[in-house]
N, C-alpha and C. Protein backbone atom coordinates (compact mmCIF):
# COMPACT_ATOMS: atom_id res chain seq x y z
N UNK A 1 30.53 -63.11 -87.81
CA UNK A 1 31.24 -62.70 -86.61
C UNK A 1 32.44 -63.61 -86.36
N UNK A 2 32.26 -64.91 -86.61
CA UNK A 2 33.36 -65.85 -86.42
C UNK A 2 34.51 -65.53 -87.36
N UNK A 3 34.15 -65.17 -88.59
CA UNK A 3 35.18 -64.85 -89.58
C UNK A 3 35.99 -63.63 -89.13
N UNK A 4 35.30 -62.66 -88.59
CA UNK A 4 35.97 -61.45 -88.11
C UNK A 4 36.92 -61.78 -86.96
N UNK A 5 36.48 -62.59 -86.02
CA UNK A 5 37.33 -62.97 -84.88
C UNK A 5 38.56 -63.74 -85.37
N UNK A 6 38.36 -64.65 -86.30
CA UNK A 6 39.49 -65.42 -86.84
C UNK A 6 40.48 -64.48 -87.53
N UNK A 7 39.96 -63.51 -88.28
CA UNK A 7 40.81 -62.55 -88.98
C UNK A 7 41.63 -61.74 -87.98
N UNK A 8 41.00 -61.24 -86.92
CA UNK A 8 41.71 -60.43 -85.93
C UNK A 8 42.78 -61.26 -85.22
N UNK A 9 42.45 -62.47 -84.85
CA UNK A 9 43.42 -63.34 -84.17
C UNK A 9 44.60 -63.64 -85.08
N UNK A 10 44.33 -63.91 -86.37
CA UNK A 10 45.43 -64.21 -87.29
C UNK A 10 46.32 -63.00 -87.51
N UNK A 11 45.74 -61.79 -87.54
CA UNK A 11 46.55 -60.58 -87.69
C UNK A 11 47.44 -60.40 -86.46
N UNK A 12 46.91 -60.64 -85.28
CA UNK A 12 47.70 -60.51 -84.05
C UNK A 12 48.85 -61.51 -84.03
N UNK A 13 48.57 -62.76 -84.38
CA UNK A 13 49.61 -63.80 -84.39
C UNK A 13 50.67 -63.47 -85.42
N UNK A 14 50.25 -63.05 -86.61
CA UNK A 14 51.20 -62.71 -87.68
C UNK A 14 52.08 -61.54 -87.24
N UNK A 15 51.48 -60.54 -86.59
CA UNK A 15 52.25 -59.40 -86.11
C UNK A 15 53.27 -59.80 -85.05
N UNK A 16 52.88 -60.68 -84.14
CA UNK A 16 53.80 -61.15 -83.10
C UNK A 16 54.96 -61.94 -83.71
N UNK A 17 54.67 -62.76 -84.68
CA UNK A 17 55.73 -63.53 -85.33
C UNK A 17 56.73 -62.61 -86.03
N UNK A 18 56.19 -61.60 -86.69
CA UNK A 18 57.08 -60.68 -87.39
C UNK A 18 57.99 -59.94 -86.42
N UNK A 19 57.45 -59.44 -85.31
CA UNK A 19 58.29 -58.72 -84.37
C UNK A 19 59.29 -59.65 -83.70
N UNK A 20 58.92 -60.91 -83.52
CA UNK A 20 59.84 -61.86 -82.90
C UNK A 20 61.02 -62.13 -83.83
N UNK A 21 60.75 -62.34 -85.11
CA UNK A 21 61.83 -62.60 -86.05
C UNK A 21 62.66 -61.35 -86.32
N UNK A 22 62.04 -60.21 -86.27
CA UNK A 22 62.77 -58.98 -86.53
C UNK A 22 63.77 -58.69 -85.42
N UNK A 23 63.50 -59.14 -84.23
CA UNK A 23 64.38 -58.85 -83.11
C UNK A 23 65.51 -59.87 -82.97
N UNK A 24 65.51 -60.87 -83.79
CA UNK A 24 66.58 -61.86 -83.68
C UNK A 24 67.88 -61.39 -84.32
N UNK A 25 67.77 -60.42 -85.21
CA UNK A 25 69.00 -59.91 -85.82
C UNK A 25 69.79 -59.16 -84.77
N UNK A 26 71.04 -59.55 -84.62
CA UNK A 26 71.91 -58.94 -83.61
C UNK A 26 72.79 -57.89 -84.29
N UNK A 27 72.23 -56.74 -84.50
CA UNK A 27 73.01 -55.65 -85.08
C UNK A 27 73.36 -54.67 -83.98
N UNK A 28 74.48 -54.04 -84.12
CA UNK A 28 74.92 -53.09 -83.13
C UNK A 28 74.31 -51.72 -83.47
N UNK A 29 73.12 -51.46 -82.92
CA UNK A 29 72.42 -50.21 -83.22
C UNK A 29 72.28 -49.40 -81.93
N UNK A 30 73.31 -48.92 -81.44
CA UNK A 30 73.27 -48.09 -80.24
C UNK A 30 73.26 -46.63 -80.65
N UNK A 31 72.40 -45.88 -80.02
CA UNK A 31 72.31 -44.46 -80.28
C UNK A 31 73.28 -43.74 -79.35
N UNK A 32 74.16 -43.02 -79.94
CA UNK A 32 75.15 -42.31 -79.14
C UNK A 32 74.93 -40.81 -79.30
N UNK A 33 74.75 -40.13 -78.18
CA UNK A 33 74.52 -38.69 -78.18
C UNK A 33 75.63 -38.04 -77.37
N UNK A 34 76.24 -37.04 -77.96
CA UNK A 34 77.32 -36.36 -77.26
C UNK A 34 76.73 -35.41 -76.20
N UNK A 35 77.60 -34.90 -75.34
CA UNK A 35 77.17 -33.99 -74.28
C UNK A 35 76.62 -32.69 -74.85
N UNK A 36 77.22 -32.19 -75.92
CA UNK A 36 76.72 -30.95 -76.52
C UNK A 36 75.31 -31.15 -77.08
N UNK A 37 75.07 -32.32 -77.70
CA UNK A 37 73.75 -32.60 -78.25
C UNK A 37 72.71 -32.73 -77.12
N UNK A 38 73.13 -33.30 -75.99
CA UNK A 38 72.22 -33.41 -74.84
C UNK A 38 71.84 -32.02 -74.33
N UNK A 39 72.81 -31.14 -74.27
CA UNK A 39 72.55 -29.77 -73.80
C UNK A 39 71.60 -29.05 -74.76
N UNK A 40 71.83 -29.22 -76.04
CA UNK A 40 70.96 -28.59 -77.04
C UNK A 40 69.53 -29.13 -76.94
N UNK A 41 69.39 -30.46 -76.79
CA UNK A 41 68.06 -31.07 -76.65
C UNK A 41 67.35 -30.58 -75.39
N UNK A 42 68.08 -30.59 -74.27
CA UNK A 42 67.49 -30.14 -73.02
C UNK A 42 67.09 -28.66 -73.10
N UNK A 43 67.95 -27.85 -73.67
CA UNK A 43 67.64 -26.41 -73.83
C UNK A 43 66.42 -26.20 -74.71
N UNK A 44 66.32 -26.96 -75.79
CA UNK A 44 65.16 -26.85 -76.68
C UNK A 44 63.86 -27.21 -75.98
N UNK A 45 63.89 -28.32 -75.20
CA UNK A 45 62.70 -28.71 -74.45
C UNK A 45 62.34 -27.67 -73.39
N UNK A 46 63.37 -27.13 -72.72
CA UNK A 46 63.11 -26.12 -71.69
C UNK A 46 62.48 -24.87 -72.30
N UNK A 47 62.96 -24.44 -73.45
CA UNK A 47 62.39 -23.27 -74.13
C UNK A 47 60.96 -23.56 -74.57
N UNK A 48 60.70 -24.76 -75.06
CA UNK A 48 59.35 -25.13 -75.48
C UNK A 48 58.38 -25.12 -74.31
N UNK A 49 58.80 -25.66 -73.16
CA UNK A 49 57.94 -25.69 -71.98
C UNK A 49 57.66 -24.27 -71.49
N UNK A 50 58.67 -23.43 -71.46
CA UNK A 50 58.49 -22.04 -71.03
C UNK A 50 57.55 -21.30 -71.99
N UNK A 51 57.72 -21.52 -73.28
CA UNK A 51 56.86 -20.87 -74.27
C UNK A 51 55.40 -21.31 -74.11
N UNK A 52 55.17 -22.59 -73.87
CA UNK A 52 53.81 -23.08 -73.66
C UNK A 52 53.21 -22.47 -72.40
N UNK A 53 54.00 -22.40 -71.33
CA UNK A 53 53.54 -21.79 -70.08
C UNK A 53 53.16 -20.33 -70.29
N UNK A 54 54.00 -19.57 -70.98
CA UNK A 54 53.72 -18.15 -71.23
C UNK A 54 52.49 -17.98 -72.11
N UNK A 55 52.31 -18.85 -73.08
CA UNK A 55 51.14 -18.77 -73.94
C UNK A 55 49.87 -19.02 -73.14
N UNK A 56 49.88 -20.00 -72.27
CA UNK A 56 48.70 -20.31 -71.48
C UNK A 56 48.41 -19.25 -70.42
N UNK A 57 49.44 -18.58 -69.92
CA UNK A 57 49.26 -17.59 -68.87
C UNK A 57 49.23 -16.16 -69.40
N UNK A 58 49.11 -15.97 -70.70
CA UNK A 58 49.20 -14.64 -71.29
C UNK A 58 48.12 -13.70 -70.79
N UNK A 59 46.89 -14.19 -70.56
CA UNK A 59 45.82 -13.31 -70.07
C UNK A 59 46.11 -12.82 -68.67
N UNK A 60 46.66 -13.67 -67.83
CA UNK A 60 46.95 -13.29 -66.46
C UNK A 60 48.13 -12.32 -66.42
N UNK A 61 49.12 -12.57 -67.24
CA UNK A 61 50.32 -11.72 -67.25
C UNK A 61 50.02 -10.33 -67.80
N UNK A 62 49.22 -10.26 -68.87
CA UNK A 62 48.97 -8.99 -69.54
C UNK A 62 47.76 -8.23 -69.00
N UNK A 63 47.05 -8.77 -68.03
CA UNK A 63 45.83 -8.14 -67.51
C UNK A 63 46.16 -6.83 -66.81
N UNK A 64 45.36 -5.82 -67.10
CA UNK A 64 45.56 -4.52 -66.46
C UNK A 64 45.01 -4.58 -65.04
N UNK A 65 45.73 -3.99 -64.14
CA UNK A 65 45.29 -3.93 -62.75
C UNK A 65 44.32 -2.76 -62.58
N UNK A 66 43.24 -3.01 -61.88
CA UNK A 66 42.25 -1.97 -61.62
C UNK A 66 42.31 -1.57 -60.15
N UNK A 67 41.52 -0.58 -59.79
CA UNK A 67 41.48 -0.15 -58.39
C UNK A 67 40.91 -1.25 -57.52
N UNK A 68 40.06 -2.08 -58.09
CA UNK A 68 39.50 -3.21 -57.35
C UNK A 68 40.60 -4.20 -56.95
N UNK A 69 41.56 -4.41 -57.85
CA UNK A 69 42.64 -5.36 -57.58
C UNK A 69 43.55 -4.87 -56.45
N UNK A 70 43.69 -3.55 -56.33
CA UNK A 70 44.61 -3.00 -55.33
C UNK A 70 44.03 -3.04 -53.92
N UNK A 71 42.71 -3.03 -53.80
CA UNK A 71 42.05 -3.00 -52.49
C UNK A 71 41.75 -4.42 -52.01
N UNK A 72 41.44 -4.53 -50.74
CA UNK A 72 41.09 -5.82 -50.15
C UNK A 72 39.60 -5.80 -49.82
N UNK A 73 38.78 -6.25 -50.77
CA UNK A 73 37.34 -6.24 -50.60
C UNK A 73 36.83 -7.62 -50.19
N UNK A 74 35.66 -7.63 -49.55
CA UNK A 74 35.03 -8.88 -49.13
C UNK A 74 34.60 -9.73 -50.33
N UNK A 75 34.22 -9.05 -51.42
CA UNK A 75 33.74 -9.78 -52.59
C UNK A 75 34.85 -10.58 -53.29
N UNK A 76 36.11 -10.28 -52.99
CA UNK A 76 37.20 -11.05 -53.58
C UNK A 76 37.24 -12.46 -53.01
N UNK A 77 36.77 -12.61 -51.77
CA UNK A 77 36.86 -13.92 -51.14
C UNK A 77 35.91 -14.93 -51.77
N UNK A 78 34.70 -14.50 -52.14
CA UNK A 78 33.76 -15.45 -52.76
C UNK A 78 33.59 -15.19 -54.25
N UNK A 79 34.40 -14.31 -54.79
CA UNK A 79 34.47 -14.02 -56.22
C UNK A 79 33.16 -13.50 -56.82
N UNK A 80 32.37 -12.78 -56.05
CA UNK A 80 31.14 -12.22 -56.60
C UNK A 80 31.43 -11.12 -57.60
N UNK A 81 32.51 -10.39 -57.41
CA UNK A 81 32.84 -9.33 -58.36
C UNK A 81 33.08 -9.92 -59.75
N UNK A 82 33.80 -11.03 -59.82
CA UNK A 82 34.11 -11.65 -61.10
C UNK A 82 32.84 -12.17 -61.77
N UNK A 83 31.87 -12.59 -60.99
CA UNK A 83 30.63 -13.10 -61.58
C UNK A 83 29.92 -12.01 -62.36
N UNK A 84 29.91 -10.80 -61.80
CA UNK A 84 29.10 -9.74 -62.39
C UNK A 84 29.88 -8.71 -63.17
N UNK A 85 31.21 -8.78 -63.16
CA UNK A 85 32.01 -7.80 -63.87
C UNK A 85 33.04 -8.46 -64.77
N UNK A 86 32.66 -9.47 -65.48
CA UNK A 86 33.63 -10.12 -66.34
C UNK A 86 33.66 -9.44 -67.70
N UNK A 87 34.75 -9.61 -68.40
CA UNK A 87 34.89 -9.04 -69.74
C UNK A 87 34.05 -9.79 -70.76
N UNK A 88 33.59 -10.97 -70.42
CA UNK A 88 32.87 -11.81 -71.38
C UNK A 88 31.49 -11.27 -71.70
N UNK A 89 30.85 -10.57 -70.79
CA UNK A 89 29.47 -10.17 -70.99
C UNK A 89 29.27 -8.91 -71.78
N UNK A 90 30.31 -8.14 -72.03
CA UNK A 90 30.14 -6.85 -72.66
C UNK A 90 29.63 -6.94 -74.09
N UNK A 91 30.30 -7.70 -74.91
CA UNK A 91 29.91 -7.76 -76.31
C UNK A 91 29.57 -9.18 -76.74
N UNK A 92 29.14 -9.97 -75.79
CA UNK A 92 28.86 -11.38 -76.08
C UNK A 92 27.57 -11.50 -76.88
N UNK A 93 27.66 -12.23 -77.97
CA UNK A 93 26.47 -12.53 -78.75
C UNK A 93 26.54 -14.00 -79.11
N UNK A 94 25.48 -14.69 -78.86
CA UNK A 94 25.47 -16.12 -79.09
C UNK A 94 25.63 -16.40 -80.58
N UNK A 95 26.45 -17.39 -80.90
CA UNK A 95 26.72 -17.71 -82.29
C UNK A 95 25.45 -18.23 -82.96
N UNK A 96 25.26 -17.83 -84.21
CA UNK A 96 24.12 -18.32 -84.97
C UNK A 96 22.83 -17.58 -84.69
N UNK A 97 22.86 -16.62 -83.80
CA UNK A 97 21.64 -15.89 -83.47
C UNK A 97 21.67 -14.54 -84.17
N UNK A 98 20.63 -14.25 -84.89
CA UNK A 98 20.47 -12.91 -85.42
C UNK A 98 19.58 -12.16 -84.45
N UNK A 99 19.54 -10.90 -84.58
CA UNK A 99 18.77 -10.10 -83.64
C UNK A 99 17.30 -10.03 -84.05
N UNK A 100 16.80 -11.08 -84.68
CA UNK A 100 15.38 -11.13 -85.01
C UNK A 100 14.59 -11.58 -83.79
N UNK A 101 13.46 -10.95 -83.61
CA UNK A 101 12.64 -11.28 -82.45
C UNK A 101 11.52 -12.21 -82.85
N UNK A 102 10.77 -12.62 -81.87
CA UNK A 102 9.62 -13.49 -82.09
C UNK A 102 8.59 -12.77 -82.97
N UNK A 103 8.40 -11.48 -82.72
CA UNK A 103 7.44 -10.70 -83.50
C UNK A 103 7.86 -10.62 -84.97
N UNK A 104 9.17 -10.45 -85.21
CA UNK A 104 9.66 -10.43 -86.60
C UNK A 104 9.28 -11.71 -87.32
N UNK A 105 9.50 -12.82 -86.67
CA UNK A 105 9.20 -14.11 -87.27
C UNK A 105 7.70 -14.25 -87.53
N UNK A 106 6.88 -13.86 -86.54
CA UNK A 106 5.43 -13.95 -86.72
C UNK A 106 4.97 -13.07 -87.88
N UNK A 107 5.44 -11.83 -87.92
CA UNK A 107 5.04 -10.92 -88.99
C UNK A 107 5.49 -11.43 -90.35
N UNK A 108 6.73 -11.91 -90.41
CA UNK A 108 7.27 -12.40 -91.68
C UNK A 108 6.49 -13.60 -92.18
N UNK A 109 6.22 -14.58 -91.29
CA UNK A 109 5.48 -15.78 -91.69
C UNK A 109 4.06 -15.43 -92.13
N UNK A 110 3.41 -14.54 -91.39
CA UNK A 110 2.05 -14.15 -91.75
C UNK A 110 2.03 -13.38 -93.06
N UNK A 111 3.02 -12.52 -93.30
CA UNK A 111 3.07 -11.76 -94.55
C UNK A 111 3.33 -12.68 -95.74
N UNK A 112 4.16 -13.70 -95.55
CA UNK A 112 4.43 -14.64 -96.64
C UNK A 112 3.17 -15.42 -97.00
N UNK A 113 2.40 -15.81 -96.00
CA UNK A 113 1.18 -16.59 -96.22
C UNK A 113 -0.05 -15.73 -96.46
N UNK A 114 0.13 -14.41 -96.60
CA UNK A 114 -0.97 -13.47 -96.77
C UNK A 114 -2.02 -13.60 -95.68
N UNK A 115 -1.58 -13.83 -94.46
CA UNK A 115 -2.48 -13.98 -93.32
C UNK A 115 -2.28 -12.87 -92.30
N UNK A 116 -1.53 -11.84 -92.64
CA UNK A 116 -1.26 -10.76 -91.70
C UNK A 116 -2.50 -9.88 -91.58
N UNK A 117 -3.13 -9.87 -90.42
CA UNK A 117 -4.36 -9.07 -90.27
C UNK A 117 -4.03 -7.58 -90.24
N UNK A 118 -4.99 -6.78 -90.68
CA UNK A 118 -4.81 -5.34 -90.65
C UNK A 118 -5.30 -4.84 -89.29
N UNK A 119 -4.37 -4.60 -88.38
CA UNK A 119 -4.72 -4.19 -87.03
C UNK A 119 -5.33 -2.80 -86.99
N UNK A 120 -5.01 -1.98 -87.99
CA UNK A 120 -5.62 -0.65 -88.06
C UNK A 120 -7.12 -0.77 -88.29
N UNK A 121 -7.53 -1.69 -89.17
CA UNK A 121 -8.96 -1.89 -89.43
C UNK A 121 -9.64 -2.54 -88.23
N UNK A 122 -8.96 -3.44 -87.55
CA UNK A 122 -9.54 -4.10 -86.37
C UNK A 122 -9.87 -3.06 -85.31
N UNK A 123 -8.96 -2.12 -85.09
CA UNK A 123 -9.20 -1.08 -84.09
C UNK A 123 -10.02 0.09 -84.66
N UNK A 124 -10.14 0.15 -85.98
CA UNK A 124 -10.91 1.23 -86.60
C UNK A 124 -10.23 2.57 -86.48
N UNK A 125 -8.93 2.61 -86.70
CA UNK A 125 -8.17 3.85 -86.59
C UNK A 125 -7.42 4.10 -87.89
N UNK A 126 -7.06 5.35 -88.16
CA UNK A 126 -6.24 5.61 -89.35
C UNK A 126 -4.80 5.16 -89.12
N UNK A 127 -4.06 5.02 -90.20
CA UNK A 127 -2.68 4.52 -90.09
C UNK A 127 -1.73 5.51 -89.44
N UNK A 128 -2.09 6.76 -89.42
CA UNK A 128 -1.22 7.74 -88.79
C UNK A 128 -1.72 8.13 -87.40
N UNK A 129 -2.46 7.25 -86.75
CA UNK A 129 -3.02 7.53 -85.42
C UNK A 129 -1.92 7.64 -84.38
N UNK A 130 -2.14 8.49 -83.40
CA UNK A 130 -1.17 8.66 -82.32
C UNK A 130 -1.38 7.59 -81.26
N UNK A 131 -0.45 7.53 -80.33
CA UNK A 131 -0.56 6.53 -79.25
C UNK A 131 -1.80 6.78 -78.40
N UNK A 132 -2.14 8.04 -78.16
CA UNK A 132 -3.34 8.37 -77.39
C UNK A 132 -4.60 7.91 -78.07
N UNK A 133 -4.67 8.12 -79.40
CA UNK A 133 -5.85 7.69 -80.15
C UNK A 133 -5.98 6.17 -80.15
N UNK A 134 -4.86 5.48 -80.27
CA UNK A 134 -4.87 4.01 -80.26
C UNK A 134 -5.39 3.50 -78.92
N UNK A 135 -4.89 4.08 -77.85
CA UNK A 135 -5.29 3.65 -76.50
C UNK A 135 -6.77 3.93 -76.26
N UNK A 136 -7.22 5.11 -76.67
CA UNK A 136 -8.63 5.49 -76.47
C UNK A 136 -9.56 4.56 -77.24
N UNK A 137 -9.23 4.28 -78.50
CA UNK A 137 -10.07 3.43 -79.33
C UNK A 137 -10.07 1.99 -78.81
N UNK A 138 -8.92 1.52 -78.34
CA UNK A 138 -8.85 0.16 -77.80
C UNK A 138 -9.74 0.02 -76.57
N UNK A 139 -9.67 0.98 -75.67
CA UNK A 139 -10.49 0.92 -74.45
C UNK A 139 -11.98 0.97 -74.79
N UNK A 140 -12.32 1.79 -75.76
CA UNK A 140 -13.73 1.89 -76.18
C UNK A 140 -14.23 0.55 -76.73
N UNK A 141 -13.43 -0.05 -77.61
CA UNK A 141 -13.82 -1.34 -78.19
C UNK A 141 -13.79 -2.46 -77.17
N UNK A 142 -12.84 -2.40 -76.24
CA UNK A 142 -12.74 -3.44 -75.22
C UNK A 142 -13.97 -3.42 -74.32
N UNK A 143 -14.47 -2.22 -74.00
CA UNK A 143 -15.67 -2.11 -73.17
C UNK A 143 -16.88 -2.69 -73.89
N UNK A 144 -16.94 -2.49 -75.21
CA UNK A 144 -18.08 -2.99 -75.98
C UNK A 144 -18.05 -4.50 -76.16
N UNK A 145 -16.85 -5.07 -76.38
CA UNK A 145 -16.77 -6.48 -76.76
C UNK A 145 -16.31 -7.41 -75.65
N UNK A 146 -16.00 -6.92 -74.48
CA UNK A 146 -15.50 -7.79 -73.41
C UNK A 146 -16.57 -8.82 -73.03
N UNK A 147 -16.18 -10.10 -72.89
CA UNK A 147 -17.16 -11.16 -72.59
C UNK A 147 -17.92 -10.93 -71.28
N UNK A 148 -17.31 -10.30 -70.30
CA UNK A 148 -18.00 -10.04 -69.04
C UNK A 148 -19.08 -8.98 -69.20
N UNK A 149 -18.87 -8.03 -70.10
CA UNK A 149 -19.84 -6.96 -70.33
C UNK A 149 -20.98 -7.43 -71.23
N UNK A 150 -20.64 -8.13 -72.31
CA UNK A 150 -21.65 -8.49 -73.31
C UNK A 150 -22.38 -9.78 -72.99
N UNK A 151 -21.85 -10.58 -72.11
CA UNK A 151 -22.41 -11.89 -71.76
C UNK A 151 -22.52 -12.79 -73.00
N UNK A 152 -21.70 -12.53 -73.99
CA UNK A 152 -21.66 -13.34 -75.20
C UNK A 152 -20.30 -13.99 -75.30
N UNK A 153 -20.17 -14.87 -76.28
CA UNK A 153 -18.91 -15.55 -76.52
C UNK A 153 -18.07 -14.70 -77.48
N UNK A 154 -17.40 -13.70 -76.94
CA UNK A 154 -16.60 -12.78 -77.76
C UNK A 154 -15.12 -12.89 -77.42
N UNK A 155 -14.71 -14.07 -77.01
CA UNK A 155 -13.30 -14.25 -76.63
C UNK A 155 -12.37 -14.03 -77.81
N UNK A 156 -12.75 -14.54 -78.99
CA UNK A 156 -11.89 -14.41 -80.16
C UNK A 156 -11.72 -12.96 -80.57
N UNK A 157 -12.79 -12.19 -80.47
CA UNK A 157 -12.71 -10.77 -80.80
C UNK A 157 -11.78 -10.03 -79.83
N UNK A 158 -11.87 -10.39 -78.55
CA UNK A 158 -11.00 -9.76 -77.56
C UNK A 158 -9.53 -10.13 -77.79
N UNK A 159 -9.31 -11.36 -78.20
CA UNK A 159 -7.93 -11.77 -78.50
C UNK A 159 -7.39 -10.94 -79.65
N UNK A 160 -8.21 -10.75 -80.70
CA UNK A 160 -7.78 -9.92 -81.84
C UNK A 160 -7.53 -8.47 -81.40
N UNK A 161 -8.43 -7.93 -80.61
CA UNK A 161 -8.26 -6.56 -80.13
C UNK A 161 -6.99 -6.41 -79.30
N UNK A 162 -6.76 -7.36 -78.39
CA UNK A 162 -5.56 -7.30 -77.55
C UNK A 162 -4.29 -7.39 -78.37
N UNK A 163 -4.30 -8.28 -79.36
CA UNK A 163 -3.12 -8.43 -80.21
C UNK A 163 -2.88 -7.15 -81.02
N UNK A 164 -3.95 -6.58 -81.56
CA UNK A 164 -3.82 -5.34 -82.33
C UNK A 164 -3.28 -4.22 -81.45
N UNK A 165 -3.80 -4.10 -80.24
CA UNK A 165 -3.33 -3.05 -79.34
C UNK A 165 -1.89 -3.30 -78.91
N UNK A 166 -1.57 -4.56 -78.65
CA UNK A 166 -0.20 -4.90 -78.24
C UNK A 166 0.81 -4.50 -79.31
N UNK A 167 0.48 -4.76 -80.56
CA UNK A 167 1.40 -4.46 -81.65
C UNK A 167 1.46 -2.96 -81.93
N UNK A 168 0.30 -2.31 -82.02
CA UNK A 168 0.28 -0.90 -82.42
C UNK A 168 0.67 0.06 -81.30
N UNK A 169 0.53 -0.36 -80.05
CA UNK A 169 0.88 0.55 -78.96
C UNK A 169 2.39 0.62 -78.71
N UNK A 170 3.12 -0.36 -79.16
CA UNK A 170 4.58 -0.36 -79.02
C UNK A 170 5.19 0.18 -80.31
N UNK A 171 5.94 1.28 -80.21
CA UNK A 171 6.49 1.94 -81.40
C UNK A 171 7.35 1.01 -82.25
N UNK A 172 8.19 0.24 -81.58
CA UNK A 172 9.10 -0.64 -82.31
C UNK A 172 8.33 -1.74 -83.05
N UNK A 173 7.38 -2.37 -82.34
CA UNK A 173 6.56 -3.40 -82.98
C UNK A 173 5.71 -2.82 -84.10
N UNK A 174 5.24 -1.60 -83.92
CA UNK A 174 4.43 -0.96 -84.95
C UNK A 174 5.24 -0.74 -86.21
N UNK A 175 6.50 -0.30 -86.06
CA UNK A 175 7.36 -0.10 -87.23
C UNK A 175 7.60 -1.42 -87.97
N UNK A 176 7.85 -2.49 -87.19
CA UNK A 176 8.05 -3.80 -87.81
C UNK A 176 6.79 -4.26 -88.52
N UNK A 177 5.65 -4.08 -87.86
CA UNK A 177 4.37 -4.47 -88.44
C UNK A 177 4.12 -3.70 -89.73
N UNK A 178 4.35 -2.38 -89.71
CA UNK A 178 4.14 -1.55 -90.90
C UNK A 178 5.05 -1.99 -92.04
N UNK A 179 6.26 -2.39 -91.71
CA UNK A 179 7.20 -2.82 -92.73
C UNK A 179 6.70 -4.10 -93.42
N UNK A 180 6.17 -5.04 -92.63
CA UNK A 180 5.68 -6.27 -93.22
C UNK A 180 4.30 -6.11 -93.86
N UNK A 181 3.54 -5.09 -93.43
CA UNK A 181 2.24 -4.82 -94.02
C UNK A 181 2.39 -3.96 -95.27
N UNK A 182 3.62 -3.58 -95.56
CA UNK A 182 3.96 -2.73 -96.70
C UNK A 182 3.37 -1.34 -96.55
N UNK A 183 3.44 -0.80 -95.33
CA UNK A 183 2.98 0.56 -95.05
C UNK A 183 4.20 1.39 -94.70
N UNK A 184 4.35 2.52 -95.33
CA UNK A 184 5.49 3.39 -95.02
C UNK A 184 5.06 4.61 -94.25
């Protein structure tokens, strides 16, 4: 650490000495700018500032006026309209997110590990069963295996039954499940 401090101090001293000696030369180095050059420089800076302003305000300048803008509503005062009617929410999708759901991930992981249970066998129904048949069979099995009815420890069976019914009773989840179970 001492070596580093000594190095930094020596660099600072050396730099100061160099700038001191460099400024001792008395050369006539005056920058002379004519009036025309000043006008050109000022005009260039003014154009640049205006261009930056227009670029930053482009959304406000080009925004289409709606009927809401023409009227004097109470919601304009506390900006509630802008909260619920912004252009940002229409097609917003979070970056890095695919439209995969939790069920997709569960089915995919279970199918990869060969742990995907056959919910059709759990409920004892054919693969082409209708929603009514699924509901009827689930209720029948739930009455038989419910822990309050049987007075036995059948919690795990009820969990399996509930999961099977949850997946097969929803058309979308059933299609996903069939896809991962390799059923067409």
